[in-house]
Amino acid sequence: MNADERRFEVLRAIVADYVSTNEPVGSKTLVEQHNLGVSSATVRNDMAVLEEEGLIAQPHTSAGRIPTDHGYRTFVDRLHEIKPLTSPERRAIHAFLEGALDLDDVMRRSVRLLAQLTQQVAVVQYPTLTQSTVRHVEVVTITSARLMLVLITDTGRVDQRMVDLGDVIGEEDVSRLRTVLNSAMAGKRLAEASASVAELPEQSPPELRETMSRVCGVLIETLVEHPDERMVLGGTPNLTRNVADFPGSLRQVLEALEEQVVVLRLLAAARDSDGVTVRIGMENEAEEMQTTSVVSTGYGSHGTVLGGMGVVGPTRMDYPGTMAAVRAVASYVGEILAGR
């Protein structure tokens, strides 16, 4: 083992001990608890170099050392592979998610599971409409001059919109509308479906043109200005258990989570379903999130990313375990949505 590799082992040991105990780590502890194969003096020298490089810091004069954001980043970057979950853990995740009744239930179960597995705040974004295809459009008569449009996508997402027609419509025309809309939209990506819908009023018989125009206007609004900024949050009390990890900033973090925009932006940036993204401390652009770490990934099926999910916690985090849990839950959610 050369000096660089040995120093990384010292850094790895400091990260492990500090994450586990929340206490600064001294050279004596490292020599006693980790099989580093060198003397206390060598470990002290290595710690001095790590401190010089900005990877560890001394919080108090008499204390040991703790990892810095840069130290955590170096540790995460040198994790050659994410440790897999055990077979019983994987079976439990699959069984729990498999029991979901619909898309909302899949989202709720995913977030609860991720919060339990990581003991952090879990965030799951609903499948974004841009990546979805239209499965079916239902047209429901509310009154003789008012319809409800129900747009159902291949991921199970359901959007409902009301249309005021300004005129009376019979059931036979409602049925015609339903047939025409599904012919134009079913099986198409949203952008393509939107283009097809835009042409329908011109193609409609004169007696249906005004109604079709109103219906298509609402559908295009749903397809183009899709409200896909939806997410589910779980495990917020996990943050409040570790107030000391957020010196003076816990309230800011909670407010950012409540506003959702910041977190959705982080998830959007991490929708790479092949990898897990880790943002540590100051790497988070939003100031209110700079005392946190965010571990996130995309989920999806057949090579299409449908949404993002992840966890938010303190920088003092079990990175290998958290990354494994995020990846596993994302993988199972993708499988379950693909099978619906």
C-alpha atoms as a PDB file:
ATOM      1  CA  MET A   1       0.000   0.000   0.000  1.00  0.00           C
ATOM      2  CA  ASN A   2       1.554   3.347  -0.981  1.00  0.00           C
ATOM      3  CA  ALA A   3       1.227   6.529   1.113  1.00  0.00           C
ATOM      4  CA  ASP A   4      -1.738   7.842  -0.907  1.00  0.00           C
ATOM      5  CA  GLU A   5      -3.700   4.583  -0.515  1.00  0.00           C
ATOM      6  CA  ARG A   6      -2.858   4.434   3.193  1.00  0.00           C
ATOM      7  CA  ARG A   7      -4.060   8.010   3.737  1.00  0.00           C
ATOM      8  CA  PHE A   8      -7.294   7.166   1.948  1.00  0.00           C
ATOM      9  CA  GLU A   9      -7.770   4.210   4.336  1.00  0.00           C
ATOM     10  CA  VAL A  10      -7.292   6.655   7.242  1.00  0.00           C
ATOM     11  CA  LEU A  11      -9.871   8.999   5.676  1.00  0.00           C
ATOM     12  CA  ARG A  12     -12.275   6.074   5.135  1.00  0.00           C
ATOM     13  CA  ALA A  13     -11.893   5.081   8.808  1.00  0.00           C
ATOM     14  CA  ILE A  14     -12.519   8.670   9.977  1.00  0.00           C
ATOM     15  CA  VAL A  15     -15.658   8.888   7.819  1.00  0.00           C
ATOM     16  CA  ALA A  16     -16.965   5.528   9.120  1.00  0.00           C
ATOM     17  CA  ASP A  17     -16.344   6.405  12.792  1.00  0.00           C
ATOM     18  CA  TYR A  18     -17.696   9.950  12.581  1.00  0.00           C
ATOM     19  CA  VAL A  19     -20.863   8.861  10.714  1.00  0.00           C
ATOM     20  CA  SER A  20     -21.407   6.163  13.326  1.00  0.00           C
ATOM     21  CA  THR A  21     -20.639   8.139  16.542  1.00  0.00           C
ATOM     22  CA  ASN A  22     -21.022  11.845  15.626  1.00  0.00           C
ATOM     23  CA  GLU A  23     -17.810  12.374  17.646  1.00  0.00           C
ATOM     24  CA  PRO A  24     -14.490  13.746  16.314  1.00  0.00           C
ATOM     25  CA  VAL A  25     -12.034  10.914  15.677  1.00  0.00           C
ATOM     26  CA  GLY A  26      -8.517  10.751  17.168  1.00  0.00           C
ATOM     27  CA  SER A  27      -5.454   8.801  15.968  1.00  0.00           C
ATOM     28  CA  LYS A  28      -5.546   6.529  19.062  1.00  0.00           C
ATOM     29  CA  THR A  29      -9.110   5.416  18.245  1.00  0.00           C
ATOM     30  CA  LEU A  30      -8.184   4.770  14.616  1.00  0.00           C
ATOM     31  CA  VAL A  31      -5.220   2.550  15.544  1.00  0.00           C
ATOM     32  CA  GLU A  32      -7.270   0.625  18.132  1.00  0.00           C
ATOM     33  CA  GLN A  33     -10.421   0.104  16.052  1.00  0.00           C
ATOM     34  CA  HIS A  34      -9.143  -0.230  12.490  1.00  0.00           C
ATOM     35  CA  ASN A  35      -6.571  -2.627  11.150  1.00  0.00           C
ATOM     36  CA  LEU A  36      -4.442   0.033   9.476  1.00  0.00           C
ATOM     37  CA  GLY A  37      -1.156  -1.843  10.018  1.00  0.00           C
ATOM     38  CA  VAL A  38       0.818   1.281  11.001  1.00  0.00           C
ATOM     39  CA  SER A  39       1.790   3.088  14.205  1.00  0.00           C
ATOM     40  CA  SER A  40      -0.041   5.952  15.912  1.00  0.00           C
ATOM     41  CA  ALA A  41       2.733   8.323  14.798  1.00  0.00           C
ATOM     42  CA  THR A  42       2.218   7.381  11.120  1.00  0.00           C
ATOM     43  CA  VAL A  43      -1.564   7.816  11.462  1.00  0.00           C
ATOM     44  CA  ARG A  44      -1.007  11.266  13.064  1.00  0.00           C
ATOM     45  CA  ASN A  45       1.246  12.249  10.144  1.00  0.00           C
ATOM     46  CA  ASP A  46      -1.353  11.004   7.656  1.00  0.00           C
ATOM     47  CA  MET A  47      -4.062  12.979   9.457  1.00  0.00           C
ATOM     48  CA  ALA A  48      -1.883  16.118   9.278  1.00  0.00           C
ATOM     49  CA  VAL A  49      -1.570  15.661   5.486  1.00  0.00           C
ATOM     50  CA  LEU A  50      -5.332  15.026   5.123  1.00  0.00           C
ATOM     51  CA  GLU A  51      -6.009  18.202   7.119  1.00  0.00           C
ATOM     52  CA  GLU A  52      -3.566  20.178   4.977  1.00  0.00           C
ATOM     53  CA  GLU A  53      -5.422  18.933   1.873  1.00  0.00           C
ATOM     54  CA  GLY A  54      -8.750  20.100   3.317  1.00  0.00           C
ATOM     55  CA  LEU A  55     -10.197  16.578   3.656  1.00  0.00           C
ATOM     56  CA  ILE A  56     -10.561  16.635   7.447  1.00  0.00           C
ATOM     57  CA  ALA A  57     -10.817  19.441  10.001  1.00  0.00           C
ATOM     58  CA  GLN A  58     -10.398  19.956  13.736  1.00  0.00           C
ATOM     59  CA  PRO A  59     -13.643  21.329  15.217  1.00  0.00           C
ATOM     60  CA  HIS A  60     -12.098  22.182  18.639  1.00  0.00           C
ATOM     61  CA  THR A  61      -8.518  22.578  19.813  1.00  0.00           C
ATOM     62  CA  SER A  62      -8.466  19.446  21.923  1.00  0.00           C
ATOM     63  CA  ALA A  63     -10.677  17.327  19.681  1.00  0.00           C
ATOM     64  CA  GLY A  64      -9.990  14.711  17.038  1.00  0.00           C
ATOM     65  CA  ARG A  65     -10.858  15.297  13.388  1.00  0.00           C
ATOM     66  CA  ILE A  66     -14.038  15.225  11.334  1.00  0.00           C
ATOM     67  CA  PRO A  67     -14.471  14.909   7.538  1.00  0.00           C
ATOM     68  CA  THR A  68     -15.062  18.090   5.524  1.00  0.00           C
ATOM     69  CA  ASP A  69     -17.408  18.257   2.498  1.00  0.00           C
ATOM     70  CA  HIS A  70     -14.277  17.757   0.372  1.00  0.00           C
ATOM     71  CA  GLY A  71     -13.368  14.699   2.451  1.00  0.00           C
ATOM     72  CA  TYR A  72     -16.819  13.158   1.977  1.00  0.00           C
ATOM     73  CA  ARG A  73     -16.621  13.884  -1.768  1.00  0.00           C
ATOM     74  CA  THR A  74     -13.227  12.124  -2.034  1.00  0.00           C
ATOM     75  CA  PHE A  75     -14.640   9.166  -0.085  1.00  0.00           C
ATOM     76  CA  VAL A  76     -17.740   8.915  -2.321  1.00  0.00           C
ATOM     77  CA  ASP A  77     -15.737   9.291  -5.551  1.00  0.00           C
ATOM     78  CA  ARG A  78     -13.542   6.359  -4.578  1.00  0.00           C
ATOM     79  CA  LEU A  79     -16.413   3.990  -3.853  1.00  0.00           C
ATOM     80  CA  HIS A  80     -15.718   1.663  -6.772  1.00  0.00           C
ATOM     81  CA  GLU A  81     -19.114   0.007  -6.587  1.00  0.00           C
ATOM     82  CA  ILE A  82     -22.331   0.454  -4.647  1.00  0.00           C
ATOM     83  CA  LYS A  83     -22.726  -2.383  -2.197  1.00  0.00           C
ATOM     84  CA  PRO A  84     -25.767  -4.486  -3.102  1.00  0.00           C
ATOM     85  CA  LEU A  85     -28.595  -4.978  -0.626  1.00  0.00           C
ATOM     86  CA  THR A  86     -28.970  -8.443   0.890  1.00  0.00           C
ATOM     87  CA  SER A  87     -31.441 -10.918  -0.668  1.00  0.00           C
ATOM     88  CA  PRO A  88     -33.906 -10.597   2.266  1.00  0.00           C
ATOM     89  CA  GLU A  89     -33.783  -6.767   1.928  1.00  0.00           C
ATOM     90  CA  ARG A  90     -34.432  -6.978  -1.811  1.00  0.00           C
ATOM     91  CA  ARG A  91     -37.312  -9.439  -1.340  1.00  0.00           C
ATOM     92  CA  ALA A  92     -38.869  -7.219   1.344  1.00  0.00           C
ATOM     93  CA  ILE A  93     -38.662  -4.128  -0.917  1.00  0.00           C
ATOM     94  CA  HIS A  94     -40.209  -5.982  -3.848  1.00  0.00           C
ATOM     95  CA  ALA A  95     -43.028  -7.473  -1.775  1.00  0.00           C
ATOM     96  CA  PHE A  96     -43.844  -4.104  -0.197  1.00  0.00           C
ATOM     97  CA  LEU A  97     -43.950  -2.224  -3.508  1.00  0.00           C
ATOM     98  CA  GLU A  98     -45.656  -5.037  -5.420  1.00  0.00           C
ATOM     99  CA  GLY A  99     -48.684  -4.705  -3.123  1.00  0.00           C
ATOM    100  CA  ALA A 100     -49.393  -1.150  -4.340  1.00  0.00           C
ATOM    101  CA  LEU A 101     -52.895  -0.602  -5.736  1.00  0.00           C
ATOM    102  CA  ASP A 102     -52.224   2.284  -8.151  1.00  0.00           C
ATOM    103  CA  LEU A 103     -49.658   4.949  -9.064  1.00  0.00           C
ATOM    104  CA  ASP A 104     -50.401   7.092  -5.995  1.00  0.00           C
ATOM    105  CA  ASP A 105     -49.923   4.042  -3.785  1.00  0.00           C
ATOM    106  CA  VAL A 106     -46.620   3.168  -5.528  1.00  0.00           C
ATOM    107  CA  MET A 107     -45.364   6.723  -4.841  1.00  0.00           C
ATOM    108  CA  ARG A 108     -46.491   6.699  -1.196  1.00  0.00           C
ATOM    109  CA  ARG A 109     -44.995   3.257  -0.517  1.00  0.00           C
ATOM    110  CA  SER A 110     -41.708   4.163  -2.248  1.00  0.00           C
ATOM    111  CA  VAL A 111     -41.203   7.275  -0.168  1.00  0.00           C
ATOM    112  CA  ARG A 112     -42.076   5.496   3.084  1.00  0.00           C
ATOM    113  CA  LEU A 113     -39.732   2.638   2.271  1.00  0.00           C
ATOM    114  CA  LEU A 114     -36.829   4.900   1.301  1.00  0.00           C
ATOM    115  CA  ALA A 115     -37.225   6.955   4.489  1.00  0.00           C
ATOM    116  CA  GLN A 116     -37.226   3.772   6.612  1.00  0.00           C
ATOM    117  CA  LEU A 117     -34.229   2.215   4.838  1.00  0.00           C
ATOM    118  CA  THR A 118     -32.035   5.327   5.018  1.00  0.00           C
ATOM    119  CA  GLN A 119     -33.405   7.080   8.131  1.00  0.00           C
ATOM    120  CA  GLN A 120     -33.369  10.296   6.079  1.00  0.00           C
ATOM    121  CA  VAL A 121     -35.988  12.427   4.307  1.00  0.00           C
ATOM    122  CA  ALA A 122     -37.123  10.649   1.144  1.00  0.00           C
ATOM    123  CA  VAL A 123     -38.422  12.394  -1.973  1.00  0.00           C
ATOM    124  CA  VAL A 124     -40.084  10.733  -4.961  1.00  0.00           C
ATOM    125  CA  GLN A 125     -41.167  12.675  -8.042  1.00  0.00           C
ATOM    126  CA  TYR A 126     -44.275  11.549  -9.910  1.00  0.00           C
ATOM    127  CA  PRO A 127     -43.599  10.296 -13.445  1.00  0.00           C
ATOM    128  CA  THR A 128     -43.155  13.346 -15.665  1.00  0.00           C
ATOM    129  CA  LEU A 129     -45.731  13.671 -18.401  1.00  0.00           C
ATOM    130  CA  THR A 130     -43.096  14.575 -21.013  1.00  0.00           C
ATOM    131  CA  GLN A 131     -41.797  10.994 -20.964  1.00  0.00           C
ATOM    132  CA  SER A 132     -45.242   9.371 -20.948  1.00  0.00           C
ATOM    133  CA  THR A 133     -47.535   8.134 -23.682  1.00  0.00           C
ATOM    134  CA  VAL A 134     -51.306   8.452 -23.643  1.00  0.00           C
ATOM    135  CA  ARG A 135     -53.027   5.208 -22.725  1.00  0.00           C
ATOM    136  CA  HIS A 136     -56.624   6.427 -22.837  1.00  0.00           C
ATOM    137  CA  VAL A 137     -58.810   9.529 -22.735  1.00  0.00           C
ATOM    138  CA  GLU A 138     -62.137   9.215 -20.971  1.00  0.00           C
ATOM    139  CA  VAL A 139     -64.914  11.763 -21.532  1.00  0.00           C
ATOM    140  CA  VAL A 140     -67.472  11.903 -18.704  1.00  0.00           C
ATOM    141  CA  THR A 141     -70.726  13.885 -18.811  1.00  0.00           C
ATOM    142  CA  ILE A 142     -71.077  16.045 -15.692  1.00  0.00           C
ATOM    143  CA  THR A 143     -74.065  18.074 -16.951  1.00  0.00           C
ATOM    144  CA  SER A 144     -75.488  18.461 -20.445  1.00  0.00           C
ATOM    145  CA  ALA A 145     -73.120  21.436 -20.986  1.00  0.00           C
ATOM    146  CA  ARG A 146     -70.127  20.331 -18.915  1.00  0.00           C
ATOM    147  CA  LEU A 147     -67.668  17.461 -19.449  1.00  0.00           C
ATOM    148  CA  MET A 148     -64.827  16.004 -17.457  1.00  0.00           C
ATOM    149  CA  LEU A 149     -61.770  14.845 -19.420  1.00  0.00           C
ATOM    150  CA  VAL A 150     -59.643  12.130 -17.814  1.00  0.00           C
ATOM    151  CA  LEU A 151     -56.198  11.670 -19.357  1.00  0.00           C
ATOM    152  CA  ILE A 152     -54.526   8.374 -18.376  1.00  0.00           C
ATOM    153  CA  THR A 153     -50.864   7.748 -19.250  1.00  0.00           C
ATOM    154  CA  ASP A 154     -48.922   4.507 -19.607  1.00  0.00           C
ATOM    155  CA  THR A 155     -47.330   5.082 -16.162  1.00  0.00           C
ATOM    156  CA  GLY A 156     -50.758   5.106 -14.534  1.00  0.00           C
ATOM    157  CA  ARG A 157     -50.797   8.854 -14.003  1.00  0.00           C
ATOM    158  CA  VAL A 158     -54.269  10.384 -14.170  1.00  0.00           C
ATOM    159  CA  ASP A 159     -55.059  14.050 -14.929  1.00  0.00           C
ATOM    160  CA  GLN A 160     -58.616  15.367 -14.782  1.00  0.00           C
ATOM    161  CA  ARG A 161     -59.885  18.594 -16.362  1.00  0.00           C
ATOM    162  CA  MET A 162     -63.325  20.206 -16.636  1.00  0.00           C
ATOM    163  CA  VAL A 163     -64.613  21.682 -19.902  1.00  0.00           C
ATOM    164  CA  ASP A 164     -67.541  24.113 -20.040  1.00  0.00           C
ATOM    165  CA  LEU A 165     -69.072  23.759 -23.496  1.00  0.00           C
ATOM    166  CA  GLY A 166     -71.371  26.768 -23.586  1.00  0.00           C
ATOM    167  CA  ASP A 167     -73.931  24.529 -25.332  1.00  0.00           C
ATOM    168  CA  VAL A 168     -75.800  21.289 -24.700  1.00  0.00           C
ATOM    169  CA  ILE A 169     -74.323  17.991 -25.905  1.00  0.00           C
ATOM    170  CA  GLY A 170     -76.038  14.593 -26.194  1.00  0.00           C
ATOM    171  CA  GLU A 171     -74.602  11.204 -25.176  1.00  0.00           C
ATOM    172  CA  GLU A 172     -74.209  10.168 -28.802  1.00  0.00           C
ATOM    173  CA  ASP A 173     -71.915  13.152 -29.470  1.00  0.00           C
ATOM    174  CA  VAL A 174     -70.003  12.463 -26.253  1.00  0.00           C
ATOM    175  CA  SER A 175     -69.379   8.947 -27.539  1.00  0.00           C
ATOM    176  CA  ARG A 176     -68.182  10.325 -30.899  1.00  0.00           C
ATOM    177  CA  LEU A 177     -65.862  12.726 -29.089  1.00  0.00           C
ATOM    178  CA  ARG A 178     -64.401   9.888 -27.024  1.00  0.00           C
ATOM    179  CA  THR A 179     -63.739   7.758 -30.130  1.00  0.00           C
ATOM    180  CA  VAL A 180     -62.144  10.600 -32.108  1.00  0.00           C
ATOM    181  CA  LEU A 181     -59.916  11.697 -29.192  1.00  0.00           C
ATOM    182  CA  ASN A 182     -58.646   8.191 -28.498  1.00  0.00           C
ATOM    183  CA  SER A 183     -57.963   7.565 -32.194  1.00  0.00           C
ATOM    184  CA  ALA A 184     -55.907  10.757 -32.306  1.00  0.00           C
ATOM    185  CA  MET A 185     -54.031  10.323 -29.007  1.00  0.00           C
ATOM    186  CA  ALA A 186     -53.783   6.744 -27.723  1.00  0.00           C
ATOM    187  CA  GLY A 187     -50.264   5.307 -27.809  1.00  0.00           C
ATOM    188  CA  LYS A 188     -48.602   8.615 -28.649  1.00  0.00           C
ATOM    189  CA  ARG A 189     -46.029  10.633 -26.687  1.00  0.00           C
ATOM    190  CA  LEU A 190     -47.518  13.804 -25.258  1.00  0.00           C
ATOM    191  CA  ALA A 191     -45.923  16.236 -27.724  1.00  0.00           C
ATOM    192  CA  GLU A 192     -47.109  14.095 -30.648  1.00  0.00           C
ATOM    193  CA  ALA A 193     -50.586  13.710 -29.135  1.00  0.00           C
ATOM    194  CA  SER A 194     -50.769  17.465 -28.667  1.00  0.00           C
ATOM    195  CA  ALA A 195     -50.029  18.059 -32.375  1.00  0.00           C
ATOM    196  CA  SER A 196     -52.727  15.517 -33.378  1.00  0.00           C
ATOM    197  CA  VAL A 197     -55.302  17.126 -31.090  1.00  0.00           C
ATOM    198  CA  ALA A 198     -54.607  20.589 -32.522  1.00  0.00           C
ATOM    199  CA  GLU A 199     -55.830  19.397 -35.941  1.00  0.00           C
ATOM    200  CA  LEU A 200     -59.117  17.855 -34.723  1.00  0.00           C
ATOM    201  CA  PRO A 201     -61.424  20.943 -34.685  1.00  0.00           C
ATOM    202  CA  GLU A 202     -60.777  21.569 -38.388  1.00  0.00           C
ATOM    203  CA  GLN A 203     -61.519  17.922 -39.193  1.00  0.00           C
ATOM    204  CA  SER A 204     -64.766  17.837 -37.185  1.00  0.00           C
ATOM    205  CA  PRO A 205     -68.266  18.114 -38.664  1.00  0.00           C
ATOM    206  CA  PRO A 206     -69.713  21.668 -38.310  1.00  0.00           C
ATOM    207  CA  GLU A 207     -72.152  20.676 -35.519  1.00  0.00           C
ATOM    208  CA  LEU A 208     -69.264  19.373 -33.319  1.00  0.00           C
ATOM    209  CA  ARG A 209     -66.620  21.938 -34.239  1.00  0.00           C
ATOM    210  CA  GLU A 210     -67.204  24.414 -31.362  1.00  0.00           C
ATOM    211  CA  THR A 211     -67.364  21.625 -28.764  1.00  0.00           C
ATOM    212  CA  MET A 212     -64.262  19.916 -30.194  1.00  0.00           C
ATOM    213  CA  SER A 213     -62.426  23.238 -30.179  1.00  0.00           C
ATOM    214  CA  ARG A 214     -63.101  23.757 -26.456  1.00  0.00           C
ATOM    215  CA  VAL A 215     -62.225  20.171 -25.560  1.00  0.00           C
ATOM    216  CA  CYS A 216     -59.003  20.276 -27.590  1.00  0.00           C
ATOM    217  CA  GLY A 217     -58.016  23.608 -26.044  1.00  0.00           C
ATOM    218  CA  VAL A 218     -58.173  22.086 -22.568  1.00  0.00           C
ATOM    219  CA  LEU A 219     -56.357  18.914 -23.672  1.00  0.00           C
ATOM    220  CA  ILE A 220     -53.528  20.854 -25.323  1.00  0.00           C
ATOM    221  CA  GLU A 221     -53.143  22.894 -22.145  1.00  0.00           C
ATOM    222  CA  THR A 222     -52.878  19.647 -20.164  1.00  0.00           C
ATOM    223  CA  LEU A 223     -50.425  18.093 -22.606  1.00  0.00           C
ATOM    224  CA  VAL A 224     -48.192  21.097 -23.203  1.00  0.00           C
ATOM    225  CA  GLU A 225     -48.357  22.941 -19.890  1.00  0.00           C
ATOM    226  CA  HIS A 226     -48.302  19.681 -17.969  1.00  0.00           C
ATOM    227  CA  PRO A 227     -48.218  20.143 -14.201  1.00  0.00           C
ATOM    228  CA  ASP A 228     -45.531  17.544 -13.631  1.00  0.00           C
ATOM    229  CA  GLU A 229     -44.070  19.348 -10.610  1.00  0.00           C
ATOM    230  CA  ARG A 230     -45.509  16.794  -8.220  1.00  0.00           C
ATOM    231  CA  MET A 231     -43.601  14.914  -5.572  1.00  0.00           C
ATOM    232  CA  VAL A 232     -44.140  12.942  -2.392  1.00  0.00           C
ATOM    233  CA  LEU A 233     -42.093  13.610   0.715  1.00  0.00           C
ATOM    234  CA  GLY A 234     -41.601  11.301   3.702  1.00  0.00           C
ATOM    235  CA  GLY A 235     -39.490  10.934   6.839  1.00  0.00           C
ATOM    236  CA  THR A 236     -39.140  14.641   7.717  1.00  0.00           C
ATOM    237  CA  PRO A 237     -38.882  13.783  11.467  1.00  0.00           C
ATOM    238  CA  ASN A 238     -35.596  12.001  10.618  1.00  0.00           C
ATOM    239  CA  LEU A 239     -34.007  15.444  10.108  1.00  0.00           C
ATOM    240  CA  THR A 240     -35.146  16.780  13.454  1.00  0.00           C
ATOM    241  CA  ARG A 241     -33.503  13.840  15.265  1.00  0.00           C
ATOM    242  CA  ASN A 242     -30.103  15.217  14.257  1.00  0.00           C
ATOM    243  CA  VAL A 243     -30.469  18.940  14.903  1.00  0.00           C
ATOM    244  CA  ALA A 244     -26.725  19.225  15.694  1.00  0.00           C
ATOM    245  CA  ASP A 245     -25.931  18.267  12.082  1.00  0.00           C
ATOM    246  CA  PHE A 246     -27.653  21.473  10.899  1.00  0.00           C
ATOM    247  CA  PRO A 247     -26.105  24.281  12.965  1.00  0.00           C
ATOM    248  CA  GLY A 248     -28.591  27.143  12.683  1.00  0.00           C
ATOM    249  CA  SER A 249     -29.926  25.915   9.332  1.00  0.00           C
ATOM    250  CA  LEU A 250     -32.541  23.235  10.064  1.00  0.00           C
ATOM    251  CA  ARG A 251     -35.426  25.666   9.621  1.00  0.00           C
ATOM    252  CA  GLN A 252     -34.077  26.736   6.191  1.00  0.00           C
ATOM    253  CA  VAL A 253     -33.785  23.098   5.110  1.00  0.00           C
ATOM    254  CA  LEU A 254     -37.342  22.291   6.231  1.00  0.00           C
ATOM    255  CA  GLU A 255     -38.683  25.370   4.411  1.00  0.00           C
ATOM    256  CA  ALA A 256     -36.849  24.367   1.210  1.00  0.00           C
ATOM    257  CA  LEU A 257     -38.362  20.877   1.419  1.00  0.00           C
ATOM    258  CA  GLU A 258     -41.814  22.340   1.981  1.00  0.00           C
ATOM    259  CA  GLU A 259     -41.501  24.626  -1.056  1.00  0.00           C
ATOM    260  CA  GLN A 260     -40.515  21.608  -3.197  1.00  0.00           C
ATOM    261  CA  VAL A 261     -39.120  23.674  -6.106  1.00  0.00           C
ATOM    262  CA  VAL A 262     -35.510  23.365  -4.910  1.00  0.00           C
ATOM    263  CA  VAL A 263     -35.794  19.610  -4.419  1.00  0.00           C
ATOM    264  CA  LEU A 264     -37.517  19.062  -7.774  1.00  0.00           C
ATOM    265  CA  ARG A 265     -34.681  20.944  -9.441  1.00  0.00           C
ATOM    266  CA  LEU A 266     -32.157  18.629  -7.754  1.00  0.00           C
ATOM    267  CA  LEU A 267     -34.094  15.532  -8.839  1.00  0.00           C
ATOM    268  CA  ALA A 268     -34.437  16.831 -12.400  1.00  0.00           C
ATOM    269  CA  ALA A 269     -30.659  17.234 -12.583  1.00  0.00           C
ATOM    270  CA  ALA A 270     -30.148  13.637 -11.453  1.00  0.00           C
ATOM    271  CA  ARG A 271     -32.472  11.742 -13.768  1.00  0.00           C
ATOM    272  CA  ASP A 272     -29.765   9.413 -14.989  1.00  0.00           C
ATOM    273  CA  SER A 273     -31.335   6.028 -14.334  1.00  0.00           C
ATOM    274  CA  ASP A 274     -27.969   4.280 -14.741  1.00  0.00           C
ATOM    275  CA  GLY A 275     -26.248   6.086 -11.905  1.00  0.00           C
ATOM    276  CA  VAL A 276     -26.674   7.579  -8.466  1.00  0.00           C
ATOM    277  CA  THR A 277     -25.838  11.280  -8.055  1.00  0.00           C
ATOM    278  CA  VAL A 278     -24.454  12.551  -4.748  1.00  0.00           C
ATOM    279  CA  ARG A 279     -24.355  16.284  -3.972  1.00  0.00           C
ATOM    280  CA  ILE A 280     -22.535  17.146  -0.772  1.00  0.00           C
ATOM    281  CA  GLY A 281     -22.883  20.370   1.214  1.00  0.00           C
ATOM    282  CA  MET A 282     -21.684  23.369  -0.797  1.00  0.00           C
ATOM    283  CA  GLU A 283     -22.128  21.433  -4.061  1.00  0.00           C
ATOM    284  CA  ASN A 284     -25.852  22.148  -3.706  1.00  0.00           C
ATOM    285  CA  GLU A 285     -26.573  25.375  -5.577  1.00  0.00           C
ATOM    286  CA  ALA A 286     -29.484  26.373  -3.347  1.00  0.00           C
ATOM    287  CA  GLU A 287     -28.052  28.135  -0.290  1.00  0.00           C
ATOM    288  CA  GLU A 288     -30.649  26.650   2.070  1.00  0.00           C
ATOM    289  CA  MET A 289     -29.488  23.118   1.143  1.00  0.00           C
ATOM    290  CA  GLN A 290     -25.751  23.667   1.685  1.00  0.00           C
ATOM    291  CA  THR A 291     -25.651  21.863   5.039  1.00  0.00           C
ATOM    292  CA  THR A 292     -27.262  18.779   3.462  1.00  0.00           C
ATOM    293  CA  SER A 293     -26.294  15.946   1.165  1.00  0.00           C
ATOM    294  CA  VAL A 294     -28.692  14.826  -1.561  1.00  0.00           C
ATOM    295  CA  VAL A 295     -28.438  11.295  -2.974  1.00  0.00           C
ATOM    296  CA  SER A 296     -30.656  10.838  -6.013  1.00  0.00           C
ATOM    297  CA  THR A 297     -31.276   8.885  -9.192  1.00  0.00           C
ATOM    298  CA  GLY A 298     -33.834   8.470 -11.944  1.00  0.00           C
ATOM    299  CA  TYR A 299     -36.316   5.626 -12.210  1.00  0.00           C
ATOM    300  CA  GLY A 300     -37.957   4.288 -15.334  1.00  0.00           C
ATOM    301  CA  SER A 301     -38.265   1.366 -17.689  1.00  0.00           C
ATOM    302  CA  HIS A 302     -37.115   0.220 -21.128  1.00  0.00           C
ATOM    303  CA  GLY A 303     -34.458   2.951 -21.209  1.00  0.00           C
ATOM    304  CA  THR A 304     -36.939   5.777 -20.541  1.00  0.00           C
ATOM    305  CA  VAL A 305     -36.491   7.842 -17.374  1.00  0.00           C
ATOM    306  CA  LEU A 306     -39.903   8.668 -15.903  1.00  0.00           C
ATOM    307  CA  GLY A 307     -38.954  10.655 -12.812  1.00  0.00           C
ATOM    308  CA  GLY A 308     -36.441  11.127 -10.026  1.00  0.00           C
ATOM    309  CA  MET A 309     -36.152   9.989  -6.425  1.00  0.00           C
ATOM    310  CA  GLY A 310     -33.684  10.425  -3.630  1.00  0.00           C
ATOM    311  CA  VAL A 311     -32.967  11.293  -0.035  1.00  0.00           C
ATOM    312  CA  VAL A 312     -31.957  14.477   1.759  1.00  0.00           C
ATOM    313  CA  GLY A 313     -29.945  14.299   4.966  1.00  0.00           C
ATOM    314  CA  PRO A 314     -26.958  15.752   6.786  1.00  0.00           C
ATOM    315  CA  THR A 315     -23.486  15.550   5.222  1.00  0.00           C
ATOM    316  CA  ARG A 316     -22.718  13.086   8.061  1.00  0.00           C
ATOM    317  CA  MET A 317     -24.445  10.265   6.200  1.00  0.00           C
ATOM    318  CA  ASP A 318     -23.920   6.571   5.538  1.00  0.00           C
ATOM    319  CA  TYR A 319     -23.187   7.153   1.839  1.00  0.00           C
ATOM    320  CA  PRO A 320     -22.658   3.510   0.731  1.00  0.00           C
ATOM    321  CA  GLY A 321     -25.869   2.317   2.443  1.00  0.00           C
ATOM    322  CA  THR A 322     -27.923   5.303   1.258  1.00  0.00           C
ATOM    323  CA  MET A 323     -26.720   4.981  -2.336  1.00  0.00           C
ATOM    324  CA  ALA A 324     -27.553   1.250  -2.329  1.00  0.00           C
ATOM    325  CA  ALA A 325     -31.076   1.876  -0.970  1.00  0.00           C
ATOM    326  CA  VAL A 326     -31.824   4.680  -3.462  1.00  0.00           C
ATOM    327  CA  ARG A 327     -30.635   2.571  -6.389  1.00  0.00           C
ATOM    328  CA  ALA A 328     -32.581  -0.528  -5.293  1.00  0.00           C
ATOM    329  CA  VAL A 329     -35.902   1.259  -4.669  1.00  0.00           C
ATOM    330  CA  ALA A 330     -35.588   3.156  -7.992  1.00  0.00           C
ATOM    331  CA  SER A 331     -34.956  -0.114  -9.818  1.00  0.00           C
ATOM    332  CA  TYR A 332     -38.036  -1.821  -8.314  1.00  0.00           C
ATOM    333  CA  VAL A 333     -40.296   1.206  -8.915  1.00  0.00           C
ATOM    334  CA  GLY A 334     -39.250   1.175 -12.583  1.00  0.00           C
ATOM    335  CA  GLU A 335     -40.027  -2.539 -12.853  1.00  0.00           C
ATOM    336  CA  ILE A 336     -43.422  -2.195 -11.180  1.00  0.00           C
ATOM    337  CA  LEU A 337     -44.510   0.748 -13.344  1.00  0.00           C
ATOM    338  CA  ALA A 338     -43.357  -1.103 -16.474  1.00  0.00           C
ATOM    339  CA  GLY A 339     -45.542  -4.051 -15.539  1.00  0.00           C
ATOM    340  CA  ARG A 340     -48.748  -2.043 -15.074  1.00  0.00           C
END
